[in-house]
C-alpha atoms as a PDB file:
ATOM      1  CA  MET A   1      -5.209 -39.597 -51.661  1.00  0.00           C
ATOM      2  CA  ARG A   2      -7.558 -37.342 -49.700  1.00  0.00           C
ATOM      3  CA  LEU A   3      -8.271 -35.316 -52.843  1.00  0.00           C
ATOM      4  CA  LEU A   4      -9.858 -38.282 -54.575  1.00  0.00           C
ATOM      5  CA  PRO A   5     -13.401 -37.891 -53.111  1.00  0.00           C
ATOM      6  CA  LYS A   6     -13.402 -34.176 -53.957  1.00  0.00           C
ATOM      7  CA  CYS A   7     -12.153 -34.899 -57.465  1.00  0.00           C
ATOM      8  CA  VAL A   8     -14.794 -37.565 -58.002  1.00  0.00           C
ATOM      9  CA  GLY A   9     -17.537 -35.221 -56.793  1.00  0.00           C
ATOM     10  CA  PHE A  10     -16.265 -32.471 -59.059  1.00  0.00           C
ATOM     11  CA  LEU A  11     -16.159 -34.814 -62.055  1.00  0.00           C
ATOM     12  CA  VAL A  12     -19.698 -36.026 -61.396  1.00  0.00           C
ATOM     13  CA  ALA A  13     -20.931 -32.440 -61.173  1.00  0.00           C
ATOM     14  CA  ALA A  14     -18.985 -31.367 -64.257  1.00  0.00           C
ATOM     15  CA  CYS A  15     -20.346 -34.250 -66.339  1.00  0.00           C
ATOM     16  CA  ALA A  16     -23.886 -33.526 -65.200  1.00  0.00           C
ATOM     17  CA  VAL A  17     -23.552 -29.837 -66.039  1.00  0.00           C
ATOM     18  CA  LEU A  18     -22.087 -30.596 -69.436  1.00  0.00           C
ATOM     19  CA  SER A  19     -24.802 -33.100 -70.265  1.00  0.00           C
ATOM     20  CA  VAL A  20     -27.515 -30.646 -69.254  1.00  0.00           C
ATOM     21  CA  GLY A  21     -25.945 -27.418 -70.440  1.00  0.00           C
ATOM     22  CA  CYS A  22     -26.029 -28.415 -74.086  1.00  0.00           C
ATOM     23  CA  SER A  23     -29.688 -29.366 -74.208  1.00  0.00           C
ATOM     24  CA  ASP A  24     -31.269 -25.944 -74.891  1.00  0.00           C
ATOM     25  CA  ASP A  25     -34.910 -26.759 -74.023  1.00  0.00           C
ATOM     26  CA  LYS A  26     -34.593 -30.209 -75.607  1.00  0.00           C
ATOM     27  CA  MET A  27     -34.389 -32.332 -72.460  1.00  0.00           C
ATOM     28  CA  ALA A  28     -36.108 -35.665 -73.105  1.00  0.00           C
ATOM     29  CA  GLY A  29     -36.406 -34.665 -76.765  1.00  0.00           C
ATOM     30  CA  GLY A  30     -38.674 -31.773 -75.818  1.00  0.00           C
ATOM     31  CA  SER A  31     -41.287 -34.165 -74.415  1.00  0.00           C
ATOM     32  CA  ILE A  32     -43.633 -32.893 -71.720  1.00  0.00           C
ATOM     33  CA  ASP A  33     -44.112 -36.447 -70.414  1.00  0.00           C
ATOM     34  CA  GLY A  34     -43.063 -36.232 -66.740  1.00  0.00           C
ATOM     35  CA  PRO A  35     -42.003 -39.884 -66.401  1.00  0.00           C
ATOM     36  CA  LYS A  36     -39.862 -39.640 -69.556  1.00  0.00           C
ATOM     37  CA  ILE A  37     -38.203 -36.426 -68.388  1.00  0.00           C
ATOM     38  CA  PHE A  38     -37.550 -37.982 -64.979  1.00  0.00           C
ATOM     39  CA  ALA A  39     -36.078 -41.129 -66.546  1.00  0.00           C
ATOM     40  CA  ASP A  40     -33.828 -39.096 -68.850  1.00  0.00           C
ATOM     41  CA  ALA A  41     -32.731 -36.334 -66.485  1.00  0.00           C
ATOM     42  CA  CYS A  42     -33.262 -37.404 -62.879  1.00  0.00           C
ATOM     43  CA  ALA A  43     -33.326 -41.172 -62.357  1.00  0.00           C
ATOM     44  CA  ARG A  44     -29.564 -41.546 -62.745  1.00  0.00           C
ATOM     45  CA  CYS A  45     -29.112 -39.847 -59.349  1.00  0.00           C
ATOM     46  CA  HIS A  46     -32.571 -39.946 -57.757  1.00  0.00           C
ATOM     47  CA  GLY A  47     -33.371 -43.556 -58.682  1.00  0.00           C
ATOM     48  CA  ALA A  48     -36.122 -44.732 -61.016  1.00  0.00           C
ATOM     49  CA  ASP A  49     -38.665 -44.603 -58.195  1.00  0.00           C
ATOM     50  CA  GLY A  50     -37.336 -41.386 -56.619  1.00  0.00           C
ATOM     51  CA  VAL A  51     -35.261 -43.198 -53.999  1.00  0.00           C
ATOM     52  CA  PRO A  52     -31.512 -42.986 -54.668  1.00  0.00           C
ATOM     53  CA  SER A  53     -29.239 -45.865 -53.823  1.00  0.00           C
ATOM     54  CA  PRO A  54     -27.573 -45.705 -50.403  1.00  0.00           C
ATOM     55  CA  GLY A  55     -24.216 -45.139 -52.132  1.00  0.00           C
ATOM     56  CA  THR A  56     -25.551 -42.193 -54.121  1.00  0.00           C
ATOM     57  CA  GLN A  57     -27.106 -40.736 -50.984  1.00  0.00           C
ATOM     58  CA  ALA A  58     -23.796 -41.031 -49.140  1.00  0.00           C
ATOM     59  CA  ARG A  59     -21.700 -39.569 -51.975  1.00  0.00           C
ATOM     60  CA  THR A  60     -23.936 -36.703 -53.002  1.00  0.00           C
ATOM     61  CA  GLY A  61     -26.338 -36.077 -50.153  1.00  0.00           C
ATOM     62  CA  VAL A  62     -29.291 -36.431 -52.533  1.00  0.00           C
ATOM     63  CA  LYS A  63     -32.520 -36.956 -50.604  1.00  0.00           C
ATOM     64  CA  PRO A  64     -35.199 -39.501 -51.430  1.00  0.00           C
ATOM     65  CA  LEU A  65     -38.031 -37.674 -53.158  1.00  0.00           C
ATOM     66  CA  ASN A  66     -40.487 -39.407 -50.819  1.00  0.00           C
ATOM     67  CA  SER A  67     -38.792 -38.036 -47.700  1.00  0.00           C
ATOM     68  CA  GLU A  68     -40.901 -35.896 -45.393  1.00  0.00           C
ATOM     69  CA  ARG A  69     -38.604 -32.944 -46.111  1.00  0.00           C
ATOM     70  CA  VAL A  70     -39.201 -33.112 -49.869  1.00  0.00           C
ATOM     71  CA  LYS A  71     -42.911 -33.873 -49.482  1.00  0.00           C
ATOM     72  CA  ALA A  72     -43.261 -30.703 -47.396  1.00  0.00           C
ATOM     73  CA  MET A  73     -41.766 -28.567 -50.170  1.00  0.00           C
ATOM     74  CA  SER A  74     -44.215 -26.573 -52.270  1.00  0.00           C
ATOM     75  CA  ASP A  75     -44.344 -27.148 -56.011  1.00  0.00           C
ATOM     76  CA  ASP A  76     -42.652 -23.760 -56.443  1.00  0.00           C
ATOM     77  CA  ASP A  77     -39.853 -24.824 -54.080  1.00  0.00           C
ATOM     78  CA  ILE A  78     -39.296 -27.996 -56.097  1.00  0.00           C
ATOM     79  CA  LEU A  79     -39.349 -26.000 -59.339  1.00  0.00           C
ATOM     80  CA  GLY A  80     -36.749 -23.662 -57.875  1.00  0.00           C
ATOM     81  CA  GLN A  81     -34.542 -26.581 -56.860  1.00  0.00           C
ATOM     82  CA  ILE A  82     -34.713 -28.028 -60.364  1.00  0.00           C
ATOM     83  CA  ARG A  83     -34.115 -24.670 -62.041  1.00  0.00           C
ATOM     84  CA  ASN A  84     -31.245 -23.583 -59.782  1.00  0.00           C
ATOM     85  CA  GLY A  85     -29.622 -26.887 -58.843  1.00  0.00           C
ATOM     86  CA  SER A  86     -28.435 -27.844 -55.403  1.00  0.00           C
ATOM     87  CA  LYS A  87     -26.448 -25.651 -53.049  1.00  0.00           C
ATOM     88  CA  ASN A  88     -23.577 -28.165 -53.082  1.00  0.00           C
ATOM     89  CA  ARG A  89     -23.573 -27.923 -56.907  1.00  0.00           C
ATOM     90  CA  LEU A  90     -23.774 -31.690 -57.391  1.00  0.00           C
ATOM     91  CA  MET A  91     -27.246 -31.306 -58.872  1.00  0.00           C
ATOM     92  CA  PRO A  92     -26.930 -29.073 -61.906  1.00  0.00           C
ATOM     93  CA  ALA A  93     -29.239 -26.189 -62.636  1.00  0.00           C
ATOM     94  CA  PHE A  94     -31.761 -27.139 -65.297  1.00  0.00           C
ATOM     95  CA  GLN A  95     -32.710 -23.517 -66.059  1.00  0.00           C
ATOM     96  CA  GLY A  96     -32.798 -23.282 -69.841  1.00  0.00           C
ATOM     97  CA  ALA A  97     -32.599 -27.046 -70.253  1.00  0.00           C
ATOM     98  CA  MET A  98     -36.361 -27.549 -69.845  1.00  0.00           C
ATOM     99  CA  SER A  99     -39.385 -25.545 -70.808  1.00  0.00           C
ATOM    100  CA  ASP A 100     -41.871 -24.395 -68.169  1.00  0.00           C
ATOM    101  CA  GLU A 101     -44.257 -27.120 -69.368  1.00  0.00           C
ATOM    102  CA  GLN A 102     -41.558 -29.763 -68.908  1.00  0.00           C
ATOM    103  CA  LEU A 103     -40.743 -28.487 -65.430  1.00  0.00           C
ATOM    104  CA  LYS A 104     -44.393 -28.559 -64.351  1.00  0.00           C
ATOM    105  CA  SER A 105     -44.810 -32.056 -65.763  1.00  0.00           C
ATOM    106  CA  LEU A 106     -41.702 -33.172 -63.911  1.00  0.00           C
ATOM    107  CA  VAL A 107     -42.986 -31.798 -60.594  1.00  0.00           C
ATOM    108  CA  ALA A 108     -46.322 -33.550 -61.171  1.00  0.00           C
ATOM    109  CA  HIS A 109     -44.452 -36.822 -61.745  1.00  0.00           C
ATOM    110  CA  ILE A 110     -42.392 -36.319 -58.582  1.00  0.00           C
ATOM    111  CA  ARG A 111     -45.660 -35.956 -56.660  1.00  0.00           C
ATOM    112  CA  THR A 112     -46.896 -39.279 -58.088  1.00  0.00           C
ATOM    113  CA  LEU A 113     -43.679 -40.953 -56.930  1.00  0.00           C
ATOM    114  CA  GLN A 114     -44.289 -39.572 -53.450  1.00  0.00           C
ATOM    115  CA  ALA A 115     -47.845 -40.919 -53.446  1.00  0.00           C
ATOM    116  CA  LYS A 116     -46.580 -44.416 -54.315  1.00  0.00           C
ATOM    117  CA  ALA A 117     -44.090 -44.417 -51.453  1.00  0.00           C
ATOM    118  CA  PRO A 118     -44.606 -46.919 -48.644  1.00  0.00           C
END
């Protein structure tokens, strides 16, 4: 029974990688609209407003995008996180799944979510 949480985490990561790995620069239909990319690729884990549900935070360790830690990251640091995925491998690497223009638009949208935070 103790293997169940590890199996669930692995399945979540595997599904995310499979869904991203097949996109070939066509994430969000190739759109460079940051909100659309975020809704299609990020909101499922990070929440529509950049704040994941408490359950998602507990299961995956994903941080709210309006946290002081994330706000302090440079745009290049955020780009690197998106490109390379998380260290715990629950966030897949999006390298090759988005164009540079899409990535920059996504970072710009993340910054707008941070500005709207209470």
